[in-house]
Amino acid sequence: MFIQVEVDPAAAGDTALAKKLAEVCPVNIFEADGEGKAVIVEENLDECVLCELCIEAAPPGQVRVTKLYSGETLSR
């Protein structure tokens, strides 16, 4: 894995945001669990293309993508 994706716990509980994250991610890193909360599909993390669609879809500061090889964090 070369990235780490984090969703703020409060944002992860937002069912509308969970659905939106699942819809915008082209490589299925996000899905909604049985309660509608956003969860990260760990086995898909290595497919990330760093498109930042998840970052743009979420409120500022709610989704962060960290490049583990450089330490750079993508967020807004």
PDB file of N, CA and C in Angstrom:
ATOM      1  N   MET A   1       0.834  -1.177   0.000  1.00  0.00           N
ATOM      2  CA  MET A   1       0.000   0.000   0.000  1.00  0.00           C
ATOM      3  C   MET A   1       0.878   1.240   0.000  1.00  0.00           C
ATOM      4  N   PHE A   2       0.485   2.209  -0.782  1.00  0.00           N
ATOM      5  CA  PHE A   2       1.271   3.434  -0.825  1.00  0.00           C
ATOM      6  C   PHE A   2       0.513   4.642  -0.302  1.00  0.00           C
ATOM      7  N   ILE A   3      -0.756   4.451   0.088  1.00  0.00           N
ATOM      8  CA  ILE A   3      -1.532   5.559   0.656  1.00  0.00           C
ATOM      9  C   ILE A   3      -2.293   5.102   1.886  1.00  0.00           C
ATOM     10  N   GLN A   4      -2.730   6.088   2.643  1.00  0.00           N
ATOM     11  CA  GLN A   4      -3.635   5.874   3.769  1.00  0.00           C
ATOM     12  C   GLN A   4      -4.782   6.857   3.572  1.00  0.00           C
ATOM     13  N   VAL A   5      -6.006   6.399   3.717  1.00  0.00           N
ATOM     14  CA  VAL A   5      -7.178   7.258   3.580  1.00  0.00           C
ATOM     15  C   VAL A   5      -7.869   7.330   4.926  1.00  0.00           C
ATOM     16  N   GLU A   6      -8.213   8.540   5.330  1.00  0.00           N
ATOM     17  CA  GLU A   6      -8.900   8.751   6.599  1.00  0.00           C
ATOM     18  C   GLU A   6     -10.158   9.582   6.367  1.00  0.00           C
ATOM     19  N   VAL A   7     -11.238   9.170   7.011  1.00  0.00           N
ATOM     20  CA  VAL A   7     -12.478   9.939   7.008  1.00  0.00           C
ATOM     21  C   VAL A   7     -12.745  10.314   8.450  1.00  0.00           C
ATOM     22  N   ASP A   8     -12.968  11.593   8.693  1.00  0.00           N
ATOM     23  CA  ASP A   8     -13.282  12.050  10.041  1.00  0.00           C
ATOM     24  C   ASP A   8     -14.457  11.231  10.569  1.00  0.00           C
ATOM     25  N   PRO A   9     -14.378  10.732  11.810  1.00  0.00           N
ATOM     26  CA  PRO A   9     -15.439   9.882  12.354  1.00  0.00           C
ATOM     27  C   PRO A   9     -16.839  10.507  12.278  1.00  0.00           C
ATOM     28  N   ALA A  10     -16.940  11.796  12.538  1.00  0.00           N
ATOM     29  CA  ALA A  10     -18.246  12.453  12.466  1.00  0.00           C
ATOM     30  C   ALA A  10     -18.766  12.449  11.029  1.00  0.00           C
ATOM     31  N   ALA A  11     -17.881  12.682  10.069  1.00  0.00           N
ATOM     32  CA  ALA A  11     -18.276  12.676   8.665  1.00  0.00           C
ATOM     33  C   ALA A  11     -18.637  11.269   8.206  1.00  0.00           C
ATOM     34  N   ALA A  12     -17.934  10.269   8.705  1.00  0.00           N
ATOM     35  CA  ALA A  12     -18.206   8.884   8.315  1.00  0.00           C
ATOM     36  C   ALA A  12     -19.621   8.471   8.709  1.00  0.00           C
ATOM     37  N   GLY A  13     -20.165   9.074   9.741  1.00  0.00           N
ATOM     38  CA  GLY A  13     -21.517   8.763  10.179  1.00  0.00           C
ATOM     39  C   GLY A  13     -22.605   9.433   9.365  1.00  0.00           C
ATOM     40  N   ASP A  14     -22.233  10.333   8.477  1.00  0.00           N
ATOM     41  CA  ASP A  14     -23.189  11.035   7.612  1.00  0.00           C
ATOM     42  C   ASP A  14     -23.547  10.119   6.445  1.00  0.00           C
ATOM     43  N   THR A  15     -24.760   9.584   6.446  1.00  0.00           N
ATOM     44  CA  THR A  15     -25.138   8.608   5.420  1.00  0.00           C
ATOM     45  C   THR A  15     -25.132   9.199   4.016  1.00  0.00           C
ATOM     46  N   ALA A  16     -25.487  10.463   3.880  1.00  0.00           N
ATOM     47  CA  ALA A  16     -25.461  11.101   2.556  1.00  0.00           C
ATOM     48  C   ALA A  16     -24.023  11.208   2.049  1.00  0.00           C
ATOM     49  N   LEU A  17     -23.106  11.562   2.936  1.00  0.00           N
ATOM     50  CA  LEU A  17     -21.701  11.651   2.540  1.00  0.00           C
ATOM     51  C   LEU A  17     -21.149  10.272   2.213  1.00  0.00           C
ATOM     52  N   ALA A  18     -21.510   9.272   2.987  1.00  0.00           N
ATOM     53  CA  ALA A  18     -21.041   7.903   2.718  1.00  0.00           C
ATOM     54  C   ALA A  18     -21.460   7.471   1.322  1.00  0.00           C
ATOM     55  N   LYS A  19     -22.693   7.742   0.964  1.00  0.00           N
ATOM     56  CA  LYS A  19     -23.200   7.387  -0.366  1.00  0.00           C
ATOM     57  C   LYS A  19     -22.443   8.154  -1.449  1.00  0.00           C
ATOM     58  N   LYS A  20     -22.210   9.428  -1.206  1.00  0.00           N
ATOM     59  CA  LYS A  20     -21.512  10.269  -2.179  1.00  0.00           C
ATOM     60  C   LYS A  20     -20.078   9.790  -2.394  1.00  0.00           C
ATOM     61  N   LEU A  21     -19.379   9.452  -1.315  1.00  0.00           N
ATOM     62  CA  LEU A  21     -18.004   8.961  -1.428  1.00  0.00           C
ATOM     63  C   LEU A  21     -17.964   7.664  -2.231  1.00  0.00           C
ATOM     64  N   ALA A  22     -18.900   6.772  -1.964  1.00  0.00           N
ATOM     65  CA  ALA A  22     -18.953   5.506  -2.702  1.00  0.00           C
ATOM     66  C   ALA A  22     -19.221   5.751  -4.185  1.00  0.00           C
ATOM     67  N   GLU A  23     -20.023   6.751  -4.493  1.00  0.00           N
ATOM     68  CA  GLU A  23     -20.359   7.054  -5.886  1.00  0.00           C
ATOM     69  C   GLU A  23     -19.201   7.700  -6.652  1.00  0.00           C
ATOM     70  N   VAL A  24     -18.466   8.605  -6.008  1.00  0.00           N
ATOM     71  CA  VAL A  24     -17.442   9.351  -6.744  1.00  0.00           C
ATOM     72  C   VAL A  24     -16.130   8.603  -6.915  1.00  0.00           C
ATOM     73  N   CYS A  25     -15.843   7.640  -6.049  1.00  0.00           N
ATOM     74  CA  CYS A  25     -14.551   6.953  -6.124  1.00  0.00           C
ATOM     75  C   CYS A  25     -14.527   5.967  -7.298  1.00  0.00           C
ATOM     76  N   PRO A  26     -13.619   6.179  -8.243  1.00  0.00           N
ATOM     77  CA  PRO A  26     -13.573   5.295  -9.418  1.00  0.00           C
ATOM     78  C   PRO A  26     -13.007   3.907  -9.128  1.00  0.00           C
ATOM     79  N   VAL A  27     -12.404   3.715  -7.972  1.00  0.00           N
ATOM     80  CA  VAL A  27     -11.794   2.412  -7.659  1.00  0.00           C
ATOM     81  C   VAL A  27     -12.376   1.777  -6.392  1.00  0.00           C
ATOM     82  N   ASN A  28     -13.547   2.252  -5.977  1.00  0.00           N
ATOM     83  CA  ASN A  28     -14.309   1.629  -4.892  1.00  0.00           C
ATOM     84  C   ASN A  28     -13.565   1.528  -3.560  1.00  0.00           C
ATOM     85  N   ILE A  29     -12.956   2.614  -3.164  1.00  0.00           N
ATOM     86  CA  ILE A  29     -12.278   2.645  -1.866  1.00  0.00           C
ATOM     87  C   ILE A  29     -13.282   2.839  -0.734  1.00  0.00           C
ATOM     88  N   PHE A  30     -14.415   3.428  -1.036  1.00  0.00           N
ATOM     89  CA  PHE A  30     -15.434   3.699  -0.016  1.00  0.00           C
ATOM     90  C   PHE A  30     -16.683   2.878  -0.281  1.00  0.00           C
ATOM     91  N   GLU A  31     -17.340   2.496   0.820  1.00  0.00           N
ATOM     92  CA  GLU A  31     -18.661   1.894   0.727  1.00  0.00           C
ATOM     93  C   GLU A  31     -19.419   2.237   1.993  1.00  0.00           C
ATOM     94  N   ALA A  32     -20.729   2.083   1.935  1.00  0.00           N
ATOM     95  CA  ALA A  32     -21.550   2.309   3.120  1.00  0.00           C
ATOM     96  C   ALA A  32     -21.764   0.967   3.813  1.00  0.00           C
ATOM     97  N   ASP A  33     -21.612   0.957   5.128  1.00  0.00           N
ATOM     98  CA  ASP A  33     -21.827  -0.289   5.869  1.00  0.00           C
ATOM     99  C   ASP A  33     -23.327  -0.500   6.084  1.00  0.00           C
ATOM    100  N   GLY A  34     -23.697  -1.479   6.855  1.00  0.00           N
ATOM    101  CA  GLY A  34     -25.097  -1.803   7.107  1.00  0.00           C
ATOM    102  C   GLY A  34     -25.891  -0.683   7.748  1.00  0.00           C
ATOM    103  N   GLU A  35     -25.199   0.220   8.428  1.00  0.00           N
ATOM    104  CA  GLU A  35     -25.857   1.371   9.060  1.00  0.00           C
ATOM    105  C   GLU A  35     -25.801   2.613   8.184  1.00  0.00           C
ATOM    106  N   GLY A  36     -25.198   2.495   6.985  1.00  0.00           N
ATOM    107  CA  GLY A  36     -25.088   3.631   6.088  1.00  0.00           C
ATOM    108  C   GLY A  36     -23.884   4.505   6.337  1.00  0.00           C
ATOM    109  N   LYS A  37     -22.988   4.069   7.221  1.00  0.00           N
ATOM    110  CA  LYS A  37     -21.782   4.844   7.530  1.00  0.00           C
ATOM    111  C   LYS A  37     -20.685   4.537   6.512  1.00  0.00           C
ATOM    112  N   ALA A  38     -19.854   5.531   6.240  1.00  0.00           N
ATOM    113  CA  ALA A  38     -18.741   5.356   5.300  1.00  0.00           C
ATOM    114  C   ALA A  38     -17.662   4.483   5.920  1.00  0.00           C
ATOM    115  N   VAL A  39     -17.252   3.487   5.173  1.00  0.00           N
ATOM    116  CA  VAL A  39     -16.121   2.653   5.576  1.00  0.00           C
ATOM    117  C   VAL A  39     -15.148   2.572   4.408  1.00  0.00           C
ATOM    118  N   ILE A  40     -13.900   2.328   4.744  1.00  0.00           N
ATOM    119  CA  ILE A  40     -12.846   2.228   3.738  1.00  0.00           C
ATOM    120  C   ILE A  40     -12.624   0.756   3.426  1.00  0.00           C
ATOM    121  N   VAL A  41     -12.598   0.451   2.137  1.00  0.00           N
ATOM    122  CA  VAL A  41     -12.353  -0.917   1.676  1.00  0.00           C
ATOM    123  C   VAL A  41     -10.834  -1.061   1.544  1.00  0.00           C
ATOM    124  N   GLU A  42     -10.226  -1.591   2.598  1.00  0.00           N
ATOM    125  CA  GLU A  42      -8.764  -1.660   2.695  1.00  0.00           C
ATOM    126  C   GLU A  42      -8.112  -2.334   1.486  1.00  0.00           C
ATOM    127  N   GLU A  43      -8.711  -3.419   0.988  1.00  0.00           N
ATOM    128  CA  GLU A  43      -8.090  -4.149  -0.116  1.00  0.00           C
ATOM    129  C   GLU A  43      -8.091  -3.359  -1.432  1.00  0.00           C
ATOM    130  N   ASN A  44      -8.832  -2.256  -1.491  1.00  0.00           N
ATOM    131  CA  ASN A  44      -8.845  -1.439  -2.708  1.00  0.00           C
ATOM    132  C   ASN A  44      -7.916  -0.227  -2.630  1.00  0.00           C
ATOM    133  N   LEU A  45      -7.300   0.013  -1.482  1.00  0.00           N
ATOM    134  CA  LEU A  45      -6.457   1.195  -1.321  1.00  0.00           C
ATOM    135  C   LEU A  45      -5.315   1.256  -2.325  1.00  0.00           C
ATOM    136  N   ASP A  46      -4.761   0.107  -2.677  1.00  0.00           N
ATOM    137  CA  ASP A  46      -3.637   0.124  -3.616  1.00  0.00           C
ATOM    138  C   ASP A  46      -4.073   0.464  -5.042  1.00  0.00           C
ATOM    139  N   GLU A  47      -5.369   0.590  -5.267  1.00  0.00           N
ATOM    140  CA  GLU A  47      -5.891   0.966  -6.590  1.00  0.00           C
ATOM    141  C   GLU A  47      -6.055   2.481  -6.735  1.00  0.00           C
ATOM    142  N   CYS A  48      -5.888   3.226  -5.656  1.00  0.00           N
ATOM    143  CA  CYS A  48      -6.112   4.674  -5.672  1.00  0.00           C
ATOM    144  C   CYS A  48      -5.277   5.345  -6.758  1.00  0.00           C
ATOM    145  N   VAL A  49      -5.929   6.237  -7.519  1.00  0.00           N
ATOM    146  CA  VAL A  49      -5.249   6.960  -8.591  1.00  0.00           C
ATOM    147  C   VAL A  49      -4.996   8.425  -8.205  1.00  0.00           C
ATOM    148  N   LEU A  50      -5.236   8.738  -6.929  1.00  0.00           N
ATOM    149  CA  LEU A  50      -5.002  10.088  -6.398  1.00  0.00           C
ATOM    150  C   LEU A  50      -5.766  11.156  -7.181  1.00  0.00           C
ATOM    151  N   CYS A  51      -6.992  10.836  -7.563  1.00  0.00           N
ATOM    152  CA  CYS A  51      -7.819  11.767  -8.335  1.00  0.00           C
ATOM    153  C   CYS A  51      -8.392  12.889  -7.474  1.00  0.00           C
ATOM    154  N   GLU A  52      -8.429  12.703  -6.168  1.00  0.00           N
ATOM    155  CA  GLU A  52      -8.924  13.666  -5.189  1.00  0.00           C
ATOM    156  C   GLU A  52     -10.431  13.903  -5.259  1.00  0.00           C
ATOM    157  N   LEU A  53     -11.172  13.060  -5.971  1.00  0.00           N
ATOM    158  CA  LEU A  53     -12.623  13.222  -6.041  1.00  0.00           C
ATOM    159  C   LEU A  53     -13.266  13.077  -4.664  1.00  0.00           C
ATOM    160  N   CYS A  54     -12.738  12.199  -3.836  1.00  0.00           N
ATOM    161  CA  CYS A  54     -13.280  12.020  -2.488  1.00  0.00           C
ATOM    162  C   CYS A  54     -13.052  13.275  -1.644  1.00  0.00           C
ATOM    163  N   ILE A  55     -11.906  13.876  -1.810  1.00  0.00           N
ATOM    164  CA  ILE A  55     -11.578  15.088  -1.055  1.00  0.00           C
ATOM    165  C   ILE A  55     -12.508  16.227  -1.458  1.00  0.00           C
ATOM    166  N   GLU A  56     -12.763  16.347  -2.753  1.00  0.00           N
ATOM    167  CA  GLU A  56     -13.641  17.400  -3.249  1.00  0.00           C
ATOM    168  C   GLU A  56     -15.103  17.153  -2.889  1.00  0.00           C
ATOM    169  N   ALA A  57     -15.499  15.883  -2.749  1.00  0.00           N
ATOM    170  CA  ALA A  57     -16.890  15.541  -2.441  1.00  0.00           C
ATOM    171  C   ALA A  57     -17.244  15.775  -0.981  1.00  0.00           C
ATOM    172  N   ALA A  58     -16.262  15.785  -0.131  1.00  0.00           N
ATOM    173  CA  ALA A  58     -16.496  15.911   1.308  1.00  0.00           C
ATOM    174  C   ALA A  58     -16.297  17.353   1.774  1.00  0.00           C
ATOM    175  N   PRO A  59     -16.900  17.700   2.908  1.00  0.00           N
ATOM    176  CA  PRO A  59     -16.637  19.020   3.488  1.00  0.00           C
ATOM    177  C   PRO A  59     -15.141  19.166   3.790  1.00  0.00           C
ATOM    178  N   PRO A  60     -14.617  20.384   3.779  1.00  0.00           N
ATOM    179  CA  PRO A  60     -13.202  20.607   4.047  1.00  0.00           C
ATOM    180  C   PRO A  60     -12.722  19.922   5.330  1.00  0.00           C
ATOM    181  N   GLY A  61     -11.581  19.231   5.210  1.00  0.00           N
ATOM    182  CA  GLY A  61     -10.948  18.587   6.349  1.00  0.00           C
ATOM    183  C   GLY A  61     -11.529  17.241   6.750  1.00  0.00           C
ATOM    184  N   GLN A  62     -12.543  16.760   6.035  1.00  0.00           N
ATOM    185  CA  GLN A  62     -13.207  15.529   6.450  1.00  0.00           C
ATOM    186  C   GLN A  62     -12.610  14.265   5.845  1.00  0.00           C
ATOM    187  N   VAL A  63     -11.948  14.388   4.696  1.00  0.00           N
ATOM    188  CA  VAL A  63     -11.283  13.246   4.069  1.00  0.00           C
ATOM    189  C   VAL A  63      -9.835  13.641   3.807  1.00  0.00           C
ATOM    190  N   ARG A  64      -8.915  12.752   4.194  1.00  0.00           N
ATOM    191  CA  ARG A  64      -7.492  12.997   3.985  1.00  0.00           C
ATOM    192  C   ARG A  64      -6.866  11.763   3.343  1.00  0.00           C
ATOM    193  N   VAL A  65      -6.023  12.024   2.362  1.00  0.00           N
ATOM    194  CA  VAL A  65      -5.272  10.950   1.717  1.00  0.00           C
ATOM    195  C   VAL A  65      -3.797  11.247   1.960  1.00  0.00           C
ATOM    196  N   THR A  66      -3.109  10.325   2.606  1.00  0.00           N
ATOM    197  CA  THR A  66      -1.691  10.505   2.900  1.00  0.00           C
ATOM    198  C   THR A  66      -0.874   9.581   2.015  1.00  0.00           C
ATOM    199  N   LYS A  67       0.092  10.171   1.324  1.00  0.00           N
ATOM    200  CA  LYS A  67       1.030   9.390   0.511  1.00  0.00           C
ATOM    201  C   LYS A  67       2.096   8.860   1.466  1.00  0.00           C
ATOM    202  N   LEU A  68       2.077   7.585   1.725  1.00  0.00           N
ATOM    203  CA  LEU A  68       2.996   7.007   2.707  1.00  0.00           C
ATOM    204  C   LEU A  68       4.452   7.082   2.273  1.00  0.00           C
ATOM    205  N   TYR A  69       4.697   7.125   0.983  1.00  0.00           N
ATOM    206  CA  TYR A  69       6.069   7.163   0.491  1.00  0.00           C
ATOM    207  C   TYR A  69       6.708   8.537   0.622  1.00  0.00           C
ATOM    208  N   SER A  70       5.890   9.601   0.739  1.00  0.00           N
ATOM    209  CA  SER A  70       6.465  10.939   0.854  1.00  0.00           C
ATOM    210  C   SER A  70       6.014  11.674   2.106  1.00  0.00           C
ATOM    211  N   GLY A  71       4.945  11.198   2.730  1.00  0.00           N
ATOM    212  CA  GLY A  71       4.401  11.882   3.901  1.00  0.00           C
ATOM    213  C   GLY A  71       3.453  13.015   3.566  1.00  0.00           C
ATOM    214  N   GLU A  72       3.297  13.335   2.283  1.00  0.00           N
ATOM    215  CA  GLU A  72       2.396  14.409   1.860  1.00  0.00           C
ATOM    216  C   GLU A  72       0.949  14.003   2.127  1.00  0.00           C
ATOM    217  N   THR A  73       0.153  14.951   2.637  1.00  0.00           N
ATOM    218  CA  THR A  73      -1.273  14.704   2.863  1.00  0.00           C
ATOM    219  C   THR A  73      -2.068  15.571   1.930  1.00  0.00           C
ATOM    220  N   LEU A  74      -3.018  14.936   1.246  1.00  0.00           N
ATOM    221  CA  LEU A  74      -3.937  15.654   0.360  1.00  0.00           C
ATOM    222  C   LEU A  74      -5.224  15.888   1.131  1.00  0.00           C
ATOM    223  N   SER A  75      -5.650  17.118   1.202  1.00  0.00           N
ATOM    224  CA  SER A  75      -6.925  17.479   1.844  1.00  0.00           C
ATOM    225  C   SER A  75      -7.261  18.880   1.407  1.00  0.00           C
ATOM    226  N   ARG A  76      -8.420  19.329   1.845  1.00  0.00           N
ATOM    227  CA  ARG A  76      -8.774  20.735   1.577  1.00  0.00           C
ATOM    228  C   ARG A  76      -9.370  21.332   2.807  1.00  0.00           C
TER     229      ARG A  76
END
